Amino acid sequence: MNRIASALILFALSCAVAFAHTDQYFDKTPGPHHGRMRMAGPYHLELVAAGDEITLYVTDHGNEPVDTTGGSAKVIITSGKKKRYVLILGPAGDNQLRGSGDFKLSKASVASVLIALPGQDPQRAKFNLSATAKAAKRSHRR
């Protein structure tokens, strides 16, 4: 009976962890750098837009930094019906990928991210940047 109870407890905990990583969970939880969070395969990604710069922070499911040396990311931002911007991000130390370029965010901007780290399968995530843009503008002014 103890084995069954232990198995049920482990199953319940794994379900709670899986539920905690939904987009709805991340929409309600600000990232450590005040960006938007998403899960992409084995990673938690935090996308921060400030000025003309995009920074992508990469952690594992335990929120431990993931080394981004040799990695890259492609970010496609769509703002409105006809505005589309593409930025390429490169390693920026520790668990960061960063790039800059000419882009404008609207209330309904969406960023599609493709991240590739050495020895790992590429992963995709989609971010709604409207709230990120507001937070980034406030922190960028300080």
C-alpha atoms as a PDB file:
ATOM      1  CA  MET A   1       0.000   0.000   0.000  1.00  0.00           C
ATOM      2  CA  ASN A   2       2.890   2.381   0.699  1.00  0.00           C
ATOM      3  CA  ARG A   3       4.154   2.000  -2.879  1.00  0.00           C
ATOM      4  CA  ILE A   4       0.751   2.901  -4.297  1.00  0.00           C
ATOM      5  CA  ALA A   5       0.472   5.959  -2.055  1.00  0.00           C
ATOM      6  CA  SER A   6       4.005   7.058  -2.995  1.00  0.00           C
ATOM      7  CA  ALA A   7       3.250   6.615  -6.701  1.00  0.00           C
ATOM      8  CA  LEU A   8       0.047   8.655  -6.386  1.00  0.00           C
ATOM      9  CA  ILE A   9       1.870  11.461  -4.583  1.00  0.00           C
ATOM     10  CA  LEU A  10       4.620  11.545  -7.242  1.00  0.00           C
ATOM     11  CA  PHE A  11       2.012  11.572 -10.002  1.00  0.00           C
ATOM     12  CA  ALA A  12       0.107  14.446  -8.367  1.00  0.00           C
ATOM     13  CA  LEU A  13       3.314  16.472  -7.944  1.00  0.00           C
ATOM     14  CA  SER A  14       4.355  15.924 -11.556  1.00  0.00           C
ATOM     15  CA  CYS A  15       0.907  17.047 -12.744  1.00  0.00           C
ATOM     16  CA  ALA A  16       1.173  20.208 -10.632  1.00  0.00           C
ATOM     17  CA  VAL A  17       4.606  21.014 -12.072  1.00  0.00           C
ATOM     18  CA  ALA A  18       3.394  20.418 -15.633  1.00  0.00           C
ATOM     19  CA  PHE A  19       0.363  22.655 -15.047  1.00  0.00           C
ATOM     20  CA  ALA A  20       2.569  25.397 -13.583  1.00  0.00           C
ATOM     21  CA  HIS A  21       4.402  25.700 -16.907  1.00  0.00           C
ATOM     22  CA  THR A  22       1.447  26.634 -19.088  1.00  0.00           C
ATOM     23  CA  ASP A  23       1.287  29.891 -21.032  1.00  0.00           C
ATOM     24  CA  GLN A  24      -1.546  30.988 -18.721  1.00  0.00           C
ATOM     25  CA  TYR A  25       0.730  30.493 -15.698  1.00  0.00           C
ATOM     26  CA  PHE A  26       3.553  32.470 -17.324  1.00  0.00           C
ATOM     27  CA  ASP A  27       1.139  35.252 -18.369  1.00  0.00           C
ATOM     28  CA  LYS A  28       0.396  35.846 -14.680  1.00  0.00           C
ATOM     29  CA  THR A  29       3.997  35.500 -13.505  1.00  0.00           C
ATOM     30  CA  PRO A  30       6.478  38.270 -14.353  1.00  0.00           C
ATOM     31  CA  GLY A  31       9.946  37.104 -15.294  1.00  0.00           C
ATOM     32  CA  PRO A  32      12.975  37.920 -13.134  1.00  0.00           C
ATOM     33  CA  HIS A  33      13.982  40.611 -15.673  1.00  0.00           C
ATOM     34  CA  HIS A  34      10.400  41.918 -16.061  1.00  0.00           C
ATOM     35  CA  GLY A  35       9.923  40.188 -19.427  1.00  0.00           C
ATOM     36  CA  ARG A  36       7.445  37.663 -20.758  1.00  0.00           C
ATOM     37  CA  MET A  37       8.054  33.997 -19.975  1.00  0.00           C
ATOM     38  CA  ARG A  38       7.389  30.907 -22.065  1.00  0.00           C
ATOM     39  CA  MET A  39       8.370  27.264 -21.961  1.00  0.00           C
ATOM     40  CA  ALA A  40      10.165  25.817 -24.999  1.00  0.00           C
ATOM     41  CA  GLY A  41      11.153  22.166 -24.730  1.00  0.00           C
ATOM     42  CA  PRO A  42      13.674  21.848 -21.890  1.00  0.00           C
ATOM     43  CA  TYR A  43      13.921  25.624 -21.405  1.00  0.00           C
ATOM     44  CA  HIS A  44      12.179  28.526 -19.756  1.00  0.00           C
ATOM     45  CA  LEU A  45      12.631  31.571 -21.971  1.00  0.00           C
ATOM     46  CA  GLU A  46      12.231  35.177 -20.871  1.00  0.00           C
ATOM     47  CA  LEU A  47      12.000  37.782 -23.630  1.00  0.00           C
ATOM     48  CA  VAL A  48      12.728  41.411 -22.768  1.00  0.00           C
ATOM     49  CA  ALA A  49      12.274  44.240 -25.292  1.00  0.00           C
ATOM     50  CA  ALA A  50      13.854  47.589 -24.366  1.00  0.00           C
ATOM     51  CA  GLY A  51      14.548  50.392 -26.801  1.00  0.00           C
ATOM     52  CA  ASP A  52      15.932  48.789 -29.961  1.00  0.00           C
ATOM     53  CA  GLU A  53      17.230  45.701 -28.146  1.00  0.00           C
ATOM     54  CA  ILE A  54      15.838  42.215 -27.520  1.00  0.00           C
ATOM     55  CA  THR A  55      17.317  40.016 -24.784  1.00  0.00           C
ATOM     56  CA  LEU A  56      16.387  36.359 -24.345  1.00  0.00           C
ATOM     57  CA  TYR A  57      17.229  34.775 -20.976  1.00  0.00           C
ATOM     58  CA  VAL A  58      17.429  30.967 -20.947  1.00  0.00           C
ATOM     59  CA  THR A  59      16.956  28.783 -17.867  1.00  0.00           C
ATOM     60  CA  ASP A  60      16.077  25.146 -17.318  1.00  0.00           C
ATOM     61  CA  HIS A  61      12.897  23.936 -15.607  1.00  0.00           C
ATOM     62  CA  GLY A  62      14.559  24.397 -12.226  1.00  0.00           C
ATOM     63  CA  ASN A  63      15.205  28.066 -13.133  1.00  0.00           C
ATOM     64  CA  GLU A  64      18.951  27.427 -13.330  1.00  0.00           C
ATOM     65  CA  PRO A  65      20.811  29.431 -16.018  1.00  0.00           C
ATOM     66  CA  VAL A  66      21.572  27.588 -19.273  1.00  0.00           C
ATOM     67  CA  ASP A  67      24.870  28.432 -20.982  1.00  0.00           C
ATOM     68  CA  THR A  68      24.153  30.095 -24.354  1.00  0.00           C
ATOM     69  CA  THR A  69      27.735  30.011 -25.675  1.00  0.00           C
ATOM     70  CA  GLY A  70      27.625  29.125 -29.366  1.00  0.00           C
ATOM     71  CA  GLY A  71      23.840  29.529 -29.491  1.00  0.00           C
ATOM     72  CA  SER A  72      21.582  31.810 -31.464  1.00  0.00           C
ATOM     73  CA  ALA A  73      17.964  32.814 -31.771  1.00  0.00           C
ATOM     74  CA  LYS A  74      15.819  34.274 -34.507  1.00  0.00           C
ATOM     75  CA  VAL A  75      13.026  36.588 -33.389  1.00  0.00           C
ATOM     76  CA  ILE A  76      10.226  37.558 -35.776  1.00  0.00           C
ATOM     77  CA  ILE A  77       8.071  40.396 -34.442  1.00  0.00           C
ATOM     78  CA  THR A  78       4.729  41.113 -36.040  1.00  0.00           C
ATOM     79  CA  SER A  79       3.087  44.432 -35.199  1.00  0.00           C
ATOM     80  CA  GLY A  80      -0.195  45.051 -36.926  1.00  0.00           C
ATOM     81  CA  LYS A  81      -1.207  43.526 -40.220  1.00  0.00           C
ATOM     82  CA  LYS A  82       1.774  44.550 -42.358  1.00  0.00           C
ATOM     83  CA  LYS A  83       4.669  45.248 -39.990  1.00  0.00           C
ATOM     84  CA  ARG A  84       7.215  42.436 -39.651  1.00  0.00           C
ATOM     85  CA  TYR A  85      10.685  42.701 -38.121  1.00  0.00           C
ATOM     86  CA  VAL A  86      13.408  40.030 -37.917  1.00  0.00           C
ATOM     87  CA  LEU A  87      16.236  40.118 -35.379  1.00  0.00           C
ATOM     88  CA  ILE A  88      19.070  37.641 -34.928  1.00  0.00           C
ATOM     89  CA  LEU A  89      20.277  37.194 -31.348  1.00  0.00           C
ATOM     90  CA  GLY A  90      23.741  36.030 -30.361  1.00  0.00           C
ATOM     91  CA  PRO A  91      25.403  35.036 -27.086  1.00  0.00           C
ATOM     92  CA  ALA A  92      25.672  37.896 -24.599  1.00  0.00           C
ATOM     93  CA  GLY A  93      27.235  36.152 -21.613  1.00  0.00           C
ATOM     94  CA  ASP A  94      25.900  33.674 -19.096  1.00  0.00           C
ATOM     95  CA  ASN A  95      22.378  32.609 -20.094  1.00  0.00           C
ATOM     96  CA  GLN A  96      21.599  35.473 -22.463  1.00  0.00           C
ATOM     97  CA  LEU A  97      21.123  35.907 -26.188  1.00  0.00           C
ATOM     98  CA  ARG A  98      20.873  39.520 -27.401  1.00  0.00           C
ATOM     99  CA  GLY A  99      20.353  41.464 -30.588  1.00  0.00           C
ATOM    100  CA  SER A 100      19.267  44.884 -31.710  1.00  0.00           C
ATOM    101  CA  GLY A 101      17.566  46.385 -34.707  1.00  0.00           C
ATOM    102  CA  ASP A 102      14.828  48.640 -35.923  1.00  0.00           C
ATOM    103  CA  PHE A 103      11.446  47.399 -34.666  1.00  0.00           C
ATOM    104  CA  LYS A 104       8.284  48.942 -33.278  1.00  0.00           C
ATOM    105  CA  LEU A 105       5.905  47.330 -30.838  1.00  0.00           C
ATOM    106  CA  SER A 106       2.163  47.862 -30.891  1.00  0.00           C
ATOM    107  CA  LYS A 107      -0.517  46.877 -28.393  1.00  0.00           C
ATOM    108  CA  ALA A 108      -0.846  43.529 -30.145  1.00  0.00           C
ATOM    109  CA  SER A 109       2.762  42.686 -31.048  1.00  0.00           C
ATOM    110  CA  VAL A 110       3.709  39.028 -31.188  1.00  0.00           C
ATOM    111  CA  ALA A 111       7.235  37.615 -31.236  1.00  0.00           C
ATOM    112  CA  SER A 112       7.970  34.157 -32.601  1.00  0.00           C
ATOM    113  CA  VAL A 113      11.292  32.830 -31.332  1.00  0.00           C
ATOM    114  CA  LEU A 114      13.413  29.985 -32.665  1.00  0.00           C
ATOM    115  CA  ILE A 115      16.317  29.178 -30.348  1.00  0.00           C
ATOM    116  CA  ALA A 116      19.211  26.877 -31.193  1.00  0.00           C
ATOM    117  CA  LEU A 117      21.826  25.859 -28.626  1.00  0.00           C
ATOM    118  CA  PRO A 118      24.791  23.580 -29.429  1.00  0.00           C
ATOM    119  CA  GLY A 119      24.002  19.884 -29.159  1.00  0.00           C
ATOM    120  CA  GLN A 120      20.284  20.505 -28.567  1.00  0.00           C
ATOM    121  CA  ASP A 121      17.207  20.372 -30.773  1.00  0.00           C
ATOM    122  CA  PRO A 122      15.943  23.804 -31.859  1.00  0.00           C
ATOM    123  CA  GLN A 123      12.947  25.032 -29.851  1.00  0.00           C
ATOM    124  CA  ARG A 124      10.140  27.480 -30.617  1.00  0.00           C
ATOM    125  CA  ALA A 125       8.049  29.811 -28.485  1.00  0.00           C
ATOM    126  CA  LYS A 126       5.548  32.593 -29.126  1.00  0.00           C
ATOM    127  CA  PHE A 127       5.332  35.717 -26.951  1.00  0.00           C
ATOM    128  CA  ASN A 128       2.729  38.467 -26.676  1.00  0.00           C
ATOM    129  CA  LEU A 129       4.881  41.568 -26.222  1.00  0.00           C
ATOM    130  CA  SER A 130       2.267  44.197 -25.365  1.00  0.00           C
ATOM    131  CA  ALA A 131       2.850  44.023 -21.600  1.00  0.00           C
ATOM    132  CA  THR A 132       6.607  43.545 -22.061  1.00  0.00           C
ATOM    133  CA  ALA A 133       6.846  46.690 -24.167  1.00  0.00           C
ATOM    134  CA  LYS A 134       5.212  48.792 -21.439  1.00  0.00           C
ATOM    135  CA  ALA A 135       7.445  47.369 -18.715  1.00  0.00           C
ATOM    136  CA  ALA A 136      10.577  47.755 -20.807  1.00  0.00           C
ATOM    137  CA  LYS A 137       9.791  51.372 -21.687  1.00  0.00           C
ATOM    138  CA  ARG A 138       9.327  52.225 -18.012  1.00  0.00           C
ATOM    139  CA  SER A 139      12.572  50.538 -16.927  1.00  0.00           C
ATOM    140  CA  HIS A 140      14.456  51.939 -19.941  1.00  0.00           C
ATOM    141  CA  ARG A 141      13.560  55.540 -18.954  1.00  0.00           C
ATOM    142  CA  ARG A 142      15.092  55.235 -15.478  1.00  0.00           C
END
